[in-house]
Amino acid sequence: MIKVKIPNNFLPERKYIISTLFGQFLGLNYQIKTYDENNYKIILDNKKELIIKDSFFLNFKNQNYLSIQNIPQSPLQKSNNKFVFEKNLPIIYGNNILGSRI
């Protein structure tokens, strides 16, 4: 079973995101745990980890992310990396930087 560690704030929002991606879209079994770090951590059965930087909720202390001034303005940054099949896919939040750790 895949373990997904999420930061311990904005829990309903984070759990909804994980449920939608892992459960509904991918149909995977997963277990959510919270922890005191700022990134998402996906741990596979073989103990390999994928760390995904939180580029959204990290910027907020409370529900003020719902205000109109937090909606990105056009033109949006476009994705251009080897892991995205669609070229010029808009990036609404976050950035186009990929990192790795072996």
PDB file of N, CA and C in Angstrom:
ATOM      1  N   MET A   1       0.843  -1.177   0.000  1.00  0.00           N
ATOM      2  CA  MET A   1       0.000   0.000   0.000  1.00  0.00           C
ATOM      3  C   MET A   1       0.892   1.245   0.000  1.00  0.00           C
ATOM      4  N   ILE A   2       0.513   2.220  -0.776  1.00  0.00           N
ATOM      5  CA  ILE A   2       1.257   3.472  -0.859  1.00  0.00           C
ATOM      6  C   ILE A   2       0.958   4.310   0.381  1.00  0.00           C
ATOM      7  N   LYS A   3       2.006   4.877   0.959  1.00  0.00           N
ATOM      8  CA  LYS A   3       1.837   5.783   2.090  1.00  0.00           C
ATOM      9  C   LYS A   3       2.054   7.200   1.583  1.00  0.00           C
ATOM     10  N   VAL A   4       1.155   8.086   1.956  1.00  0.00           N
ATOM     11  CA  VAL A   4       1.270   9.482   1.562  1.00  0.00           C
ATOM     12  C   VAL A   4       1.349  10.314   2.839  1.00  0.00           C
ATOM     13  N   LYS A   5       2.470  10.993   3.017  1.00  0.00           N
ATOM     14  CA  LYS A   5       2.623  11.882   4.167  1.00  0.00           C
ATOM     15  C   LYS A   5       2.310  13.295   3.704  1.00  0.00           C
ATOM     16  N   ILE A   6       1.477  13.964   4.487  1.00  0.00           N
ATOM     17  CA  ILE A   6       1.080  15.329   4.165  1.00  0.00           C
ATOM     18  C   ILE A   6       1.362  16.234   5.360  1.00  0.00           C
ATOM     19  N   PRO A   7       1.649  17.515   5.097  1.00  0.00           N
ATOM     20  CA  PRO A   7       1.812  18.462   6.209  1.00  0.00           C
ATOM     21  C   PRO A   7       0.535  18.510   7.047  1.00  0.00           C
ATOM     22  N   ASN A   8       0.683  18.881   8.302  1.00  0.00           N
ATOM     23  CA  ASN A   8      -0.447  18.814   9.230  1.00  0.00           C
ATOM     24  C   ASN A   8      -1.275  20.102   9.303  1.00  0.00           C
ATOM     25  N   ASN A   9      -1.385  20.800   8.200  1.00  0.00           N
ATOM     26  CA  ASN A   9      -2.296  21.940   8.128  1.00  0.00           C
ATOM     27  C   ASN A   9      -3.161  21.793   6.875  1.00  0.00           C
ATOM     28  N   PHE A  10      -4.254  22.517   6.795  1.00  0.00           N
ATOM     29  CA  PHE A  10      -5.186  22.423   5.668  1.00  0.00           C
ATOM     30  C   PHE A  10      -5.552  20.955   5.385  1.00  0.00           C
ATOM     31  N   LEU A  11      -5.804  20.198   6.429  1.00  0.00           N
ATOM     32  CA  LEU A  11      -6.044  18.757   6.278  1.00  0.00           C
ATOM     33  C   LEU A  11      -7.226  18.395   5.384  1.00  0.00           C
ATOM     34  N   PRO A  12      -8.401  19.017   5.513  1.00  0.00           N
ATOM     35  CA  PRO A  12      -9.506  18.630   4.615  1.00  0.00           C
ATOM     36  C   PRO A  12      -9.148  18.839   3.140  1.00  0.00           C
ATOM     37  N   GLU A  13      -8.482  19.952   2.843  1.00  0.00           N
ATOM     38  CA  GLU A  13      -8.103  20.244   1.467  1.00  0.00           C
ATOM     39  C   GLU A  13      -7.072  19.241   0.950  1.00  0.00           C
ATOM     40  N   ARG A  14      -6.068  18.960   1.757  1.00  0.00           N
ATOM     41  CA  ARG A  14      -5.008  18.030   1.354  1.00  0.00           C
ATOM     42  C   ARG A  14      -5.563  16.607   1.182  1.00  0.00           C
ATOM     43  N   LYS A  15      -6.425  16.185   2.099  1.00  0.00           N
ATOM     44  CA  LYS A  15      -7.006  14.836   1.995  1.00  0.00           C
ATOM     45  C   LYS A  15      -7.888  14.720   0.751  1.00  0.00           C
ATOM     46  N   TYR A  16      -8.593  15.776   0.424  1.00  0.00           N
ATOM     47  CA  TYR A  16      -9.412  15.769  -0.787  1.00  0.00           C
ATOM     48  C   TYR A  16      -8.531  15.611  -2.030  1.00  0.00           C
ATOM     49  N   ILE A  17      -7.435  16.330  -2.087  1.00  0.00           N
ATOM     50  CA  ILE A  17      -6.513  16.247  -3.226  1.00  0.00           C
ATOM     51  C   ILE A  17      -5.978  14.825  -3.374  1.00  0.00           C
ATOM     52  N   ILE A  18      -5.520  14.236  -2.276  1.00  0.00           N
ATOM     53  CA  ILE A  18      -4.961  12.881  -2.320  1.00  0.00           C
ATOM     54  C   ILE A  18      -6.043  11.878  -2.708  1.00  0.00           C
ATOM     55  N   SER A  19      -7.220  12.010  -2.137  1.00  0.00           N
ATOM     56  CA  SER A  19      -8.336  11.107  -2.458  1.00  0.00           C
ATOM     57  C   SER A  19      -8.687  11.171  -3.942  1.00  0.00           C
ATOM     58  N   THR A  20      -8.730  12.361  -4.481  1.00  0.00           N
ATOM     59  CA  THR A  20      -9.076  12.526  -5.895  1.00  0.00           C
ATOM     60  C   THR A  20      -8.007  11.929  -6.795  1.00  0.00           C
ATOM     61  N   LEU A  21      -6.733  12.269  -6.537  1.00  0.00           N
ATOM     62  CA  LEU A  21      -5.650  11.780  -7.403  1.00  0.00           C
ATOM     63  C   LEU A  21      -5.413  10.277  -7.270  1.00  0.00           C
ATOM     64  N   PHE A  22      -5.207   9.818  -6.049  1.00  0.00           N
ATOM     65  CA  PHE A  22      -4.839   8.420  -5.839  1.00  0.00           C
ATOM     66  C   PHE A  22      -6.045   7.479  -5.908  1.00  0.00           C
ATOM     67  N   GLY A  23      -7.152   7.877  -5.303  1.00  0.00           N
ATOM     68  CA  GLY A  23      -8.322   7.010  -5.254  1.00  0.00           C
ATOM     69  C   GLY A  23      -9.150   7.047  -6.525  1.00  0.00           C
ATOM     70  N   GLN A  24      -9.662   8.223  -6.889  1.00  0.00           N
ATOM     71  CA  GLN A  24     -10.577   8.329  -8.018  1.00  0.00           C
ATOM     72  C   GLN A  24      -9.875   8.228  -9.370  1.00  0.00           C
ATOM     73  N   PHE A  25      -8.797   8.977  -9.574  1.00  0.00           N
ATOM     74  CA  PHE A  25      -8.132   8.975 -10.882  1.00  0.00           C
ATOM     75  C   PHE A  25      -7.296   7.728 -11.112  1.00  0.00           C
ATOM     76  N   LEU A  26      -6.497   7.326 -10.115  1.00  0.00           N
ATOM     77  CA  LEU A  26      -5.566   6.214 -10.298  1.00  0.00           C
ATOM     78  C   LEU A  26      -6.075   4.885  -9.750  1.00  0.00           C
ATOM     79  N   GLY A  27      -7.085   4.899  -8.892  1.00  0.00           N
ATOM     80  CA  GLY A  27      -7.640   3.668  -8.334  1.00  0.00           C
ATOM     81  C   GLY A  27      -6.660   2.912  -7.450  1.00  0.00           C
ATOM     82  N   LEU A  28      -5.811   3.631  -6.745  1.00  0.00           N
ATOM     83  CA  LEU A  28      -4.788   3.001  -5.902  1.00  0.00           C
ATOM     84  C   LEU A  28      -5.219   2.950  -4.446  1.00  0.00           C
ATOM     85  N   ASN A  29      -4.714   1.961  -3.726  1.00  0.00           N
ATOM     86  CA  ASN A  29      -4.876   1.918  -2.277  1.00  0.00           C
ATOM     87  C   ASN A  29      -3.775   2.763  -1.663  1.00  0.00           C
ATOM     88  N   TYR A  30      -4.140   3.581  -0.730  1.00  0.00           N
ATOM     89  CA  TYR A  30      -3.168   4.484  -0.113  1.00  0.00           C
ATOM     90  C   TYR A  30      -3.545   4.705   1.345  1.00  0.00           C
ATOM     91  N   GLN A  31      -2.577   5.176   2.086  1.00  0.00           N
ATOM     92  CA  GLN A  31      -2.777   5.509   3.494  1.00  0.00           C
ATOM     93  C   GLN A  31      -2.185   6.898   3.714  1.00  0.00           C
ATOM     94  N   ILE A  32      -2.946   7.778   4.340  1.00  0.00           N
ATOM     95  CA  ILE A  32      -2.487   9.136   4.599  1.00  0.00           C
ATOM     96  C   ILE A  32      -1.998   9.248   6.038  1.00  0.00           C
ATOM     97  N   LYS A  33      -0.840   9.864   6.188  1.00  0.00           N
ATOM     98  CA  LYS A  33      -0.310  10.193   7.516  1.00  0.00           C
ATOM     99  C   LYS A  33       0.107  11.652   7.488  1.00  0.00           C
ATOM    100  N   THR A  34      -0.047  12.326   8.620  1.00  0.00           N
ATOM    101  CA  THR A  34       0.414  13.712   8.708  1.00  0.00           C
ATOM    102  C   THR A  34       1.778  13.744   9.370  1.00  0.00           C
ATOM    103  N   TYR A  35       2.520  14.791   9.063  1.00  0.00           N
ATOM    104  CA  TYR A  35       3.816  14.974   9.704  1.00  0.00           C
ATOM    105  C   TYR A  35       4.184  16.449   9.698  1.00  0.00           C
ATOM    106  N   ASP A  36       5.244  16.800  10.425  1.00  0.00           N
ATOM    107  CA  ASP A  36       5.626  18.201  10.641  1.00  0.00           C
ATOM    108  C   ASP A  36       6.653  18.693   9.629  1.00  0.00           C
ATOM    109  N   GLU A  37       6.400  18.459   8.358  1.00  0.00           N
ATOM    110  CA  GLU A  37       7.252  19.004   7.308  1.00  0.00           C
ATOM    111  C   GLU A  37       6.366  19.717   6.302  1.00  0.00           C
ATOM    112  N   ASN A  38       6.973  20.425   5.358  1.00  0.00           N
ATOM    113  CA  ASN A  38       6.207  21.262   4.442  1.00  0.00           C
ATOM    114  C   ASN A  38       5.948  20.644   3.072  1.00  0.00           C
ATOM    115  N   ASN A  39       6.384  19.428   2.834  1.00  0.00           N
ATOM    116  CA  ASN A  39       6.231  18.816   1.524  1.00  0.00           C
ATOM    117  C   ASN A  39       5.386  17.557   1.600  1.00  0.00           C
ATOM    118  N   TYR A  40       4.875  17.137   0.446  1.00  0.00           N
ATOM    119  CA  TYR A  40       4.193  15.857   0.350  1.00  0.00           C
ATOM    120  C   TYR A  40       5.262  14.793   0.171  1.00  0.00           C
ATOM    121  N   LYS A  41       5.068  13.642   0.768  1.00  0.00           N
ATOM    122  CA  LYS A  41       6.005  12.538   0.622  1.00  0.00           C
ATOM    123  C   LYS A  41       5.209  11.286   0.282  1.00  0.00           C
ATOM    124  N   ILE A  42       5.510  10.681  -0.863  1.00  0.00           N
ATOM    125  CA  ILE A  42       4.854   9.454  -1.305  1.00  0.00           C
ATOM    126  C   ILE A  42       5.854   8.324  -1.138  1.00  0.00           C
ATOM    127  N   ILE A  43       5.488   7.317  -0.345  1.00  0.00           N
ATOM    128  CA  ILE A  43       6.387   6.210  -0.038  1.00  0.00           C
ATOM    129  C   ILE A  43       5.799   4.931  -0.623  1.00  0.00           C
ATOM    130  N   LEU A  44       6.549   4.324  -1.522  1.00  0.00           N
ATOM    131  CA  LEU A  44       6.102   3.092  -2.175  1.00  0.00           C
ATOM    132  C   LEU A  44       6.426   1.878  -1.327  1.00  0.00           C
ATOM    133  N   ASP A  45       5.877   0.729  -1.704  1.00  0.00           N
ATOM    134  CA  ASP A  45       6.135  -0.512  -0.964  1.00  0.00           C
ATOM    135  C   ASP A  45       7.609  -0.869  -0.910  1.00  0.00           C
ATOM    136  N   ASN A  46       8.368  -0.505  -1.953  1.00  0.00           N
ATOM    137  CA  ASN A  46       9.804  -0.818  -1.977  1.00  0.00           C
ATOM    138  C   ASN A  46      10.636   0.228  -1.232  1.00  0.00           C
ATOM    139  N   LYS A  47       9.970   1.115  -0.487  1.00  0.00           N
ATOM    140  CA  LYS A  47      10.581   2.151   0.347  1.00  0.00           C
ATOM    141  C   LYS A  47      11.151   3.331  -0.440  1.00  0.00           C
ATOM    142  N   LYS A  48      10.970   3.336  -1.743  1.00  0.00           N
ATOM    143  CA  LYS A  48      11.373   4.498  -2.539  1.00  0.00           C
ATOM    144  C   LYS A  48      10.426   5.641  -2.214  1.00  0.00           C
ATOM    145  N   GLU A  49      10.954   6.856  -2.230  1.00  0.00           N
ATOM    146  CA  GLU A  49      10.159   8.023  -1.868  1.00  0.00           C
ATOM    147  C   GLU A  49      10.156   9.050  -2.984  1.00  0.00           C
ATOM    148  N   LEU A  50       9.026   9.693  -3.136  1.00  0.00           N
ATOM    149  CA  LEU A  50       8.885  10.828  -4.029  1.00  0.00           C
ATOM    150  C   LEU A  50       8.475  12.002  -3.155  1.00  0.00           C
ATOM    151  N   ILE A  51       9.245  13.058  -3.196  1.00  0.00           N
ATOM    152  CA  ILE A  51       8.941  14.246  -2.398  1.00  0.00           C
ATOM    153  C   ILE A  51       8.454  15.329  -3.352  1.00  0.00           C
ATOM    154  N   ILE A  52       7.281  15.866  -3.052  1.00  0.00           N
ATOM    155  CA  ILE A  52       6.684  16.907  -3.879  1.00  0.00           C
ATOM    156  C   ILE A  52       6.578  18.174  -3.045  1.00  0.00           C
ATOM    157  N   LYS A  53       7.226  19.215  -3.519  1.00  0.00           N
ATOM    158  CA  LYS A  53       7.217  20.483  -2.806  1.00  0.00           C
ATOM    159  C   LYS A  53       5.807  21.056  -2.776  1.00  0.00           C
ATOM    160  N   ASP A  54       5.400  21.542  -1.624  1.00  0.00           N
ATOM    161  CA  ASP A  54       4.111  22.210  -1.494  1.00  0.00           C
ATOM    162  C   ASP A  54       4.287  23.648  -1.982  1.00  0.00           C
ATOM    163  N   SER A  55       3.809  23.925  -3.168  1.00  0.00           N
ATOM    164  CA  SER A  55       3.947  25.257  -3.747  1.00  0.00           C
ATOM    165  C   SER A  55       2.695  26.093  -3.582  1.00  0.00           C
ATOM    166  N   PHE A  56       1.710  25.564  -2.879  1.00  0.00           N
ATOM    167  CA  PHE A  56       0.469  26.319  -2.713  1.00  0.00           C
ATOM    168  C   PHE A  56       0.189  26.636  -1.249  1.00  0.00           C
ATOM    169  N   PHE A  57      -0.185  25.634  -0.455  1.00  0.00           N
ATOM    170  CA  PHE A  57      -0.583  25.878   0.933  1.00  0.00           C
ATOM    171  C   PHE A  57       0.552  26.436   1.788  1.00  0.00           C
ATOM    172  N   LEU A  58       1.776  26.190   1.396  1.00  0.00           N
ATOM    173  CA  LEU A  58       2.926  26.711   2.132  1.00  0.00           C
ATOM    174  C   LEU A  58       2.894  28.239   2.208  1.00  0.00           C
ATOM    175  N   ASN A  59       2.206  28.863   1.262  1.00  0.00           N
ATOM    176  CA  ASN A  59       2.147  30.325   1.197  1.00  0.00           C
ATOM    177  C   ASN A  59       1.067  30.937   2.082  1.00  0.00           C
ATOM    178  N   PHE A  60       0.274  30.113   2.764  1.00  0.00           N
ATOM    179  CA  PHE A  60      -0.864  30.624   3.517  1.00  0.00           C
ATOM    180  C   PHE A  60      -0.863  30.094   4.947  1.00  0.00           C
ATOM    181  N   LYS A  61      -1.362  30.914   5.848  1.00  0.00           N
ATOM    182  CA  LYS A  61      -1.487  30.508   7.248  1.00  0.00           C
ATOM    183  C   LYS A  61      -2.921  30.127   7.607  1.00  0.00           C
ATOM    184  N   ASN A  62      -3.886  30.602   6.838  1.00  0.00           N
ATOM    185  CA  ASN A  62      -5.293  30.302   7.105  1.00  0.00           C
ATOM    186  C   ASN A  62      -6.061  30.221   5.798  1.00  0.00           C
ATOM    187  N   GLN A  63      -7.356  30.325   5.865  1.00  0.00           N
ATOM    188  CA  GLN A  63      -8.208  30.150   4.687  1.00  0.00           C
ATOM    189  C   GLN A  63      -8.142  31.310   3.687  1.00  0.00           C
ATOM    190  N   ASN A  64      -7.227  32.252   3.868  1.00  0.00           N
ATOM    191  CA  ASN A  64      -7.194  33.391   2.957  1.00  0.00           C
ATOM    192  C   ASN A  64      -6.759  33.023   1.541  1.00  0.00           C
ATOM    193  N   TYR A  65      -6.433  31.764   1.295  1.00  0.00           N
ATOM    194  CA  TYR A  65      -6.110  31.348  -0.070  1.00  0.00           C
ATOM    195  C   TYR A  65      -7.329  31.425  -0.980  1.00  0.00           C
ATOM    196  N   LEU A  66      -8.512  31.543  -0.395  1.00  0.00           N
ATOM    197  CA  LEU A  66      -9.739  31.600  -1.185  1.00  0.00           C
ATOM    198  C   LEU A  66     -10.033  32.997  -1.736  1.00  0.00           C
ATOM    199  N   SER A  67      -9.221  33.994  -1.424  1.00  0.00           N
ATOM    200  CA  SER A  67      -9.515  35.340  -1.909  1.00  0.00           C
ATOM    201  C   SER A  67      -9.113  35.533  -3.370  1.00  0.00           C
ATOM    202  N   ILE A  68      -9.763  36.470  -4.000  1.00  0.00           N
ATOM    203  CA  ILE A  68      -9.617  36.717  -5.434  1.00  0.00           C
ATOM    204  C   ILE A  68      -8.179  37.099  -5.807  1.00  0.00           C
ATOM    205  N   GLN A  69      -7.465  37.777  -4.929  1.00  0.00           N
ATOM    206  CA  GLN A  69      -6.098  38.191  -5.266  1.00  0.00           C
ATOM    207  C   GLN A  69      -5.129  37.016  -5.372  1.00  0.00           C
ATOM    208  N   ASN A  70      -5.544  35.832  -4.963  1.00  0.00           N
ATOM    209  CA  ASN A  70      -4.683  34.659  -5.065  1.00  0.00           C
ATOM    210  C   ASN A  70      -4.891  33.854  -6.345  1.00  0.00           C
ATOM    211  N   ILE A  71      -5.777  34.313  -7.214  1.00  0.00           N
ATOM    212  CA  ILE A  71      -5.964  33.659  -8.509  1.00  0.00           C
ATOM    213  C   ILE A  71      -4.858  34.148  -9.433  1.00  0.00           C
ATOM    214  N   PRO A  72      -4.141  33.236 -10.095  1.00  0.00           N
ATOM    215  CA  PRO A  72      -3.039  33.654 -10.966  1.00  0.00           C
ATOM    216  C   PRO A  72      -3.522  34.527 -12.123  1.00  0.00           C
ATOM    217  N   GLN A  73      -2.683  35.456 -12.505  1.00  0.00           N
ATOM    218  CA  GLN A  73      -2.973  36.331 -13.630  1.00  0.00           C
ATOM    219  C   GLN A  73      -2.399  35.734 -14.907  1.00  0.00           C
ATOM    220  N   SER A  74      -2.974  36.064 -16.022  1.00  0.00           N
ATOM    221  CA  SER A  74      -2.453  35.637 -17.326  1.00  0.00           C
ATOM    222  C   SER A  74      -1.311  36.564 -17.718  1.00  0.00           C
ATOM    223  N   PRO A  75      -0.370  36.127 -18.492  1.00  0.00           N
ATOM    224  CA  PRO A  75      -0.247  34.776 -19.030  1.00  0.00           C
ATOM    225  C   PRO A  75       0.335  33.830 -17.990  1.00  0.00           C
ATOM    226  N   LEU A  76      -0.146  32.601 -17.998  1.00  0.00           N
ATOM    227  CA  LEU A  76       0.343  31.589 -17.067  1.00  0.00           C
ATOM    228  C   LEU A  76       1.652  30.998 -17.573  1.00  0.00           C
ATOM    229  N   GLN A  77       2.485  30.559 -16.643  1.00  0.00           N
ATOM    230  CA  GLN A  77       3.706  29.855 -17.012  1.00  0.00           C
ATOM    231  C   GLN A  77       3.328  28.540 -17.688  1.00  0.00           C
ATOM    232  N   LYS A  78       4.110  28.093 -18.660  1.00  0.00           N
ATOM    233  CA  LYS A  78       3.826  26.860 -19.387  1.00  0.00           C
ATOM    234  C   LYS A  78       4.809  25.766 -18.987  1.00  0.00           C
ATOM    235  N   SER A  79       4.315  24.537 -18.916  1.00  0.00           N
ATOM    236  CA  SER A  79       5.144  23.383 -18.592  1.00  0.00           C
ATOM    237  C   SER A  79       5.980  23.005 -19.806  1.00  0.00           C
ATOM    238  N   ASN A  80       7.236  22.670 -19.547  1.00  0.00           N
ATOM    239  CA  ASN A  80       8.109  22.227 -20.622  1.00  0.00           C
ATOM    240  C   ASN A  80       9.159  21.295 -20.019  1.00  0.00           C
ATOM    241  N   ASN A  81       8.727  20.095 -19.627  1.00  0.00           N
ATOM    242  CA  ASN A  81       9.679  19.142 -19.078  1.00  0.00           C
ATOM    243  C   ASN A  81       9.376  17.748 -19.600  1.00  0.00           C
ATOM    244  N   LYS A  82      10.315  16.842 -19.420  1.00  0.00           N
ATOM    245  CA  LYS A  82      10.215  15.511 -20.025  1.00  0.00           C
ATOM    246  C   LYS A  82       9.139  14.618 -19.399  1.00  0.00           C
ATOM    247  N   PHE A  83       8.591  14.991 -18.256  1.00  0.00           N
ATOM    248  CA  PHE A  83       7.597  14.163 -17.594  1.00  0.00           C
ATOM    249  C   PHE A  83       6.162  14.554 -17.944  1.00  0.00           C
ATOM    250  N   VAL A  84       5.997  15.604 -18.712  1.00  0.00           N
ATOM    251  CA  VAL A  84       4.667  16.066 -19.102  1.00  0.00           C
ATOM    252  C   VAL A  84       4.502  15.825 -20.595  1.00  0.00           C
ATOM    253  N   PHE A  85       3.496  15.031 -20.962  1.00  0.00           N
ATOM    254  CA  PHE A  85       3.280  14.692 -22.364  1.00  0.00           C
ATOM    255  C   PHE A  85       2.745  15.874 -23.157  1.00  0.00           C
ATOM    256  N   GLU A  86       1.886  16.647 -22.542  1.00  0.00           N
ATOM    257  CA  GLU A  86       1.315  17.813 -23.214  1.00  0.00           C
ATOM    258  C   GLU A  86       2.319  18.951 -23.132  1.00  0.00           C
ATOM    259  N   LYS A  87       2.701  19.479 -24.251  1.00  0.00           N
ATOM    260  CA  LYS A  87       3.616  20.624 -24.254  1.00  0.00           C
ATOM    261  C   LYS A  87       2.806  21.897 -24.058  1.00  0.00           C
ATOM    262  N   ASN A  88       3.408  22.857 -23.422  1.00  0.00           N
ATOM    263  CA  ASN A  88       2.780  24.145 -23.142  1.00  0.00           C
ATOM    264  C   ASN A  88       1.540  24.026 -22.270  1.00  0.00           C
ATOM    265  N   LEU A  89       1.537  23.062 -21.348  1.00  0.00           N
ATOM    266  CA  LEU A  89       0.448  22.898 -20.397  1.00  0.00           C
ATOM    267  C   LEU A  89       0.561  24.003 -19.341  1.00  0.00           C
ATOM    268  N   PRO A  90      -0.493  24.777 -19.091  1.00  0.00           N
ATOM    269  CA  PRO A  90      -0.395  25.865 -18.113  1.00  0.00           C
ATOM    270  C   PRO A  90      -0.107  25.343 -16.705  1.00  0.00           C
ATOM    271  N   ILE A  91       0.750  26.038 -16.009  1.00  0.00           N
ATOM    272  CA  ILE A  91       1.028  25.758 -14.600  1.00  0.00           C
ATOM    273  C   ILE A  91       0.300  26.830 -13.804  1.00  0.00           C
ATOM    274  N   ILE A  92      -0.726  26.418 -13.085  1.00  0.00           N
ATOM    275  CA  ILE A  92      -1.531  27.391 -12.361  1.00  0.00           C
ATOM    276  C   ILE A  92      -0.822  27.822 -11.076  1.00  0.00           C
ATOM    277  N   TYR A  93      -0.311  26.863 -10.318  1.00  0.00           N
ATOM    278  CA  TYR A  93       0.443  27.155  -9.099  1.00  0.00           C
ATOM    279  C   TYR A  93       1.701  26.310  -9.127  1.00  0.00           C
ATOM    280  N   GLY A  94       2.733  26.773  -8.485  1.00  0.00           N
ATOM    281  CA  GLY A  94       3.985  26.030  -8.479  1.00  0.00           C
ATOM    282  C   GLY A  94       4.930  26.572  -9.522  1.00  0.00           C
ATOM    283  N   ASN A  95       5.816  25.697  -9.994  1.00  0.00           N
ATOM    284  CA  ASN A  95       6.788  26.125 -10.987  1.00  0.00           C
ATOM    285  C   ASN A  95       7.138  24.954 -11.895  1.00  0.00           C
ATOM    286  N   ASN A  96       8.046  25.163 -12.798  1.00  0.00           N
ATOM    287  CA  ASN A  96       8.413  24.174 -13.793  1.00  0.00           C
ATOM    288  C   ASN A  96       9.725  23.482 -13.423  1.00  0.00           C
ATOM    289  N   ILE A  97      10.103  23.559 -12.172  1.00  0.00           N
ATOM    290  CA  ILE A  97      11.385  22.994 -11.720  1.00  0.00           C
ATOM    291  C   ILE A  97      11.196  21.559 -11.249  1.00  0.00           C
ATOM    292  N   LEU A  98      12.034  20.672 -11.749  1.00  0.00           N
ATOM    293  CA  LEU A  98      12.050  19.280 -11.294  1.00  0.00           C
ATOM    294  C   LEU A  98      13.368  19.027 -10.591  1.00  0.00           C
ATOM    295  N   GLY A  99      13.296  18.369  -9.478  1.00  0.00           N
ATOM    296  CA  GLY A  99      14.509  17.997  -8.762  1.00  0.00           C
ATOM    297  C   GLY A  99      14.570  16.499  -8.609  1.00  0.00           C
ATOM    298  N   SER A 100      15.707  16.018  -8.220  1.00  0.00           N
ATOM    299  CA  SER A 100      15.821  14.571  -7.987  1.00  0.00           C
ATOM    300  C   SER A 100      16.770  14.325  -6.833  1.00  0.00           C
ATOM    301  N   ARG A 101      16.564  13.178  -6.238  1.00  0.00           N
ATOM    302  CA  ARG A 101      17.426  12.741  -5.151  1.00  0.00           C
ATOM    303  C   ARG A 101      17.536  11.241  -5.256  1.00  0.00           C
ATOM    304  N   ILE A 102      18.727  10.730  -5.275  1.00  0.00           N
ATOM    305  CA  ILE A 102      18.914   9.281  -5.392  1.00  0.00           C
ATOM    306  C   ILE A 102      19.362   8.716  -4.065  1.00  0.00           C
TER     307      ILE A 102
END
